[in-house]
Amino acid sequence: MDTKWVAAATADNEFAATLLRDILVDSGIPAFIESSATATFLQVASALMPMRVMVAPERLAEAKAILAEVEEVADTPDDVDTDD
């Protein structure tokens, strides 16, 4: 049975997509990067094109929760004490 992958996130470029994919994989969620069809067709530098981070549908909610936590931490100002 083939898995139909779904987008857990869209990143602005290959670097950001790789970071998100690696976070998911390190969390035990299989993930891969799907580049834009336009980038492939036009052979445009993939580093500058939006890319989707794909996961299996049954792991989508978990993946989005993990990525939301990462985004929350990234949005925390440096001068805020997060220790409890």
C-alpha atoms as a PDB file:
ATOM      1  CA  MET A   1       0.000   0.000   0.000  1.00  0.00           C
ATOM      2  CA  ASP A   2       1.415   3.361  -1.037  1.00  0.00           C
ATOM      3  CA  THR A   3       1.486   6.143   1.529  1.00  0.00           C
ATOM      4  CA  LYS A   4      -0.046   9.397   0.359  1.00  0.00           C
ATOM      5  CA  TRP A   5       2.121  12.060   1.948  1.00  0.00           C
ATOM      6  CA  VAL A   6       0.701  15.385   3.121  1.00  0.00           C
ATOM      7  CA  ALA A   7       2.330  18.755   3.771  1.00  0.00           C
ATOM      8  CA  ALA A   8       3.134  19.444   7.413  1.00  0.00           C
ATOM      9  CA  ALA A   9       4.761  22.778   6.576  1.00  0.00           C
ATOM     10  CA  THR A  10       5.871  25.009   3.740  1.00  0.00           C
ATOM     11  CA  ALA A  11       9.276  26.640   3.993  1.00  0.00           C
ATOM     12  CA  ASP A  12      10.556  29.665   2.095  1.00  0.00           C
ATOM     13  CA  ASN A  13      13.689  27.885   0.916  1.00  0.00           C
ATOM     14  CA  GLU A  14      15.639  24.639   0.963  1.00  0.00           C
ATOM     15  CA  PHE A  15      17.625  25.552   4.079  1.00  0.00           C
ATOM     16  CA  ALA A  16      14.501  26.187   6.172  1.00  0.00           C
ATOM     17  CA  ALA A  17      12.801  23.070   4.787  1.00  0.00           C
ATOM     18  CA  THR A  18      15.829  20.962   5.695  1.00  0.00           C
ATOM     19  CA  LEU A  19      15.777  22.266   9.266  1.00  0.00           C
ATOM     20  CA  LEU A  20      12.073  21.466   9.649  1.00  0.00           C
ATOM     21  CA  ARG A  21      12.476  18.022   8.103  1.00  0.00           C
ATOM     22  CA  ASP A  22      15.424  17.226  10.373  1.00  0.00           C
ATOM     23  CA  ILE A  23      13.460  18.280  13.465  1.00  0.00           C
ATOM     24  CA  LEU A  24      10.645  15.921  12.501  1.00  0.00           C
ATOM     25  CA  VAL A  25      12.975  13.033  11.673  1.00  0.00           C
ATOM     26  CA  ASP A  26      14.849  13.539  14.963  1.00  0.00           C
ATOM     27  CA  SER A  27      11.439  13.363  16.688  1.00  0.00           C
ATOM     28  CA  GLY A  28      10.750   9.994  15.077  1.00  0.00           C
ATOM     29  CA  ILE A  29       8.454  11.204  12.289  1.00  0.00           C
ATOM     30  CA  PRO A  30       9.457  10.122   8.784  1.00  0.00           C
ATOM     31  CA  ALA A  31       9.522  13.215   6.572  1.00  0.00           C
ATOM     32  CA  PHE A  32      10.908  14.397   3.270  1.00  0.00           C
ATOM     33  CA  ILE A  33      11.157  17.622   1.303  1.00  0.00           C
ATOM     34  CA  GLU A  34       9.081  18.105  -1.815  1.00  0.00           C
ATOM     35  CA  SER A  35      10.340  20.894  -4.035  1.00  0.00           C
ATOM     36  CA  SER A  36       8.152  23.012  -6.250  1.00  0.00           C
ATOM     37  CA  ALA A  37       7.311  21.544  -9.647  1.00  0.00           C
ATOM     38  CA  THR A  38       8.244  24.927 -11.093  1.00  0.00           C
ATOM     39  CA  ALA A  39      11.755  24.677  -9.669  1.00  0.00           C
ATOM     40  CA  THR A  40      12.173  21.225 -11.165  1.00  0.00           C
ATOM     41  CA  PHE A  41      10.698  22.133 -14.535  1.00  0.00           C
ATOM     42  CA  LEU A  42      12.596  25.397 -14.924  1.00  0.00           C
ATOM     43  CA  GLN A  43      15.723  24.059 -13.201  1.00  0.00           C
ATOM     44  CA  VAL A  44      15.669  27.081 -10.927  1.00  0.00           C
ATOM     45  CA  ALA A  45      17.962  26.991  -7.918  1.00  0.00           C
ATOM     46  CA  SER A  46      15.985  25.024  -5.353  1.00  0.00           C
ATOM     47  CA  ALA A  47      17.625  26.974  -2.548  1.00  0.00           C
ATOM     48  CA  LEU A  48      15.451  29.958  -3.472  1.00  0.00           C
ATOM     49  CA  MET A  49      12.110  28.230  -4.070  1.00  0.00           C
ATOM     50  CA  PRO A  50       9.390  27.356  -1.546  1.00  0.00           C
ATOM     51  CA  MET A  51       9.424  23.721  -0.473  1.00  0.00           C
ATOM     52  CA  ARG A  52       6.977  21.532   1.389  1.00  0.00           C
ATOM     53  CA  VAL A  53       7.884  19.231   4.256  1.00  0.00           C
ATOM     54  CA  MET A  54       5.857  16.059   3.771  1.00  0.00           C
ATOM     55  CA  VAL A  55       4.729  13.464   6.330  1.00  0.00           C
ATOM     56  CA  ALA A  56       2.348  10.509   6.397  1.00  0.00           C
ATOM     57  CA  PRO A  57      -1.266  11.581   7.066  1.00  0.00           C
ATOM     58  CA  GLU A  58      -1.457   9.645  10.332  1.00  0.00           C
ATOM     59  CA  ARG A  59       1.517  11.653  11.682  1.00  0.00           C
ATOM     60  CA  LEU A  60       0.311  15.084  10.486  1.00  0.00           C
ATOM     61  CA  ALA A  61      -1.186  16.300  13.776  1.00  0.00           C
ATOM     62  CA  GLU A  62       1.907  15.216  15.701  1.00  0.00           C
ATOM     63  CA  ALA A  63       4.219  16.854  13.154  1.00  0.00           C
ATOM     64  CA  LYS A  64       2.299  20.134  13.241  1.00  0.00           C
ATOM     65  CA  ALA A  65       2.382  20.158  17.043  1.00  0.00           C
ATOM     66  CA  ILE A  66       6.156  19.672  17.065  1.00  0.00           C
ATOM     67  CA  LEU A  67       6.690  22.385  14.461  1.00  0.00           C
ATOM     68  CA  ALA A  68       4.388  24.755  16.383  1.00  0.00           C
ATOM     69  CA  GLU A  69       6.548  24.267  19.493  1.00  0.00           C
ATOM     70  CA  VAL A  70       9.669  25.030  17.465  1.00  0.00           C
ATOM     71  CA  GLU A  71       8.060  28.172  16.055  1.00  0.00           C
ATOM     72  CA  GLU A  72       7.003  29.269  19.536  1.00  0.00           C
ATOM     73  CA  VAL A  73      10.567  28.906  20.825  1.00  0.00           C
ATOM     74  CA  ALA A  74      11.946  30.718  17.773  1.00  0.00           C
ATOM     75  CA  ASP A  75       9.552  33.621  18.393  1.00  0.00           C
ATOM     76  CA  THR A  76      10.595  34.026  22.046  1.00  0.00           C
ATOM     77  CA  PRO A  77      12.702  37.186  22.503  1.00  0.00           C
ATOM     78  CA  ASP A  78      16.260  36.582  23.679  1.00  0.00           C
ATOM     79  CA  ASP A  79      15.785  38.644  26.847  1.00  0.00           C
ATOM     80  CA  VAL A  80      12.860  36.567  28.158  1.00  0.00           C
ATOM     81  CA  ASP A  81      13.675  34.081  30.914  1.00  0.00           C
ATOM     82  CA  THR A  82      12.005  30.787  29.952  1.00  0.00           C
ATOM     83  CA  ASP A  83      13.277  28.833  32.986  1.00  0.00           C
ATOM     84  CA  ASP A  84      10.588  27.897  35.494  1.00  0.00           C
END
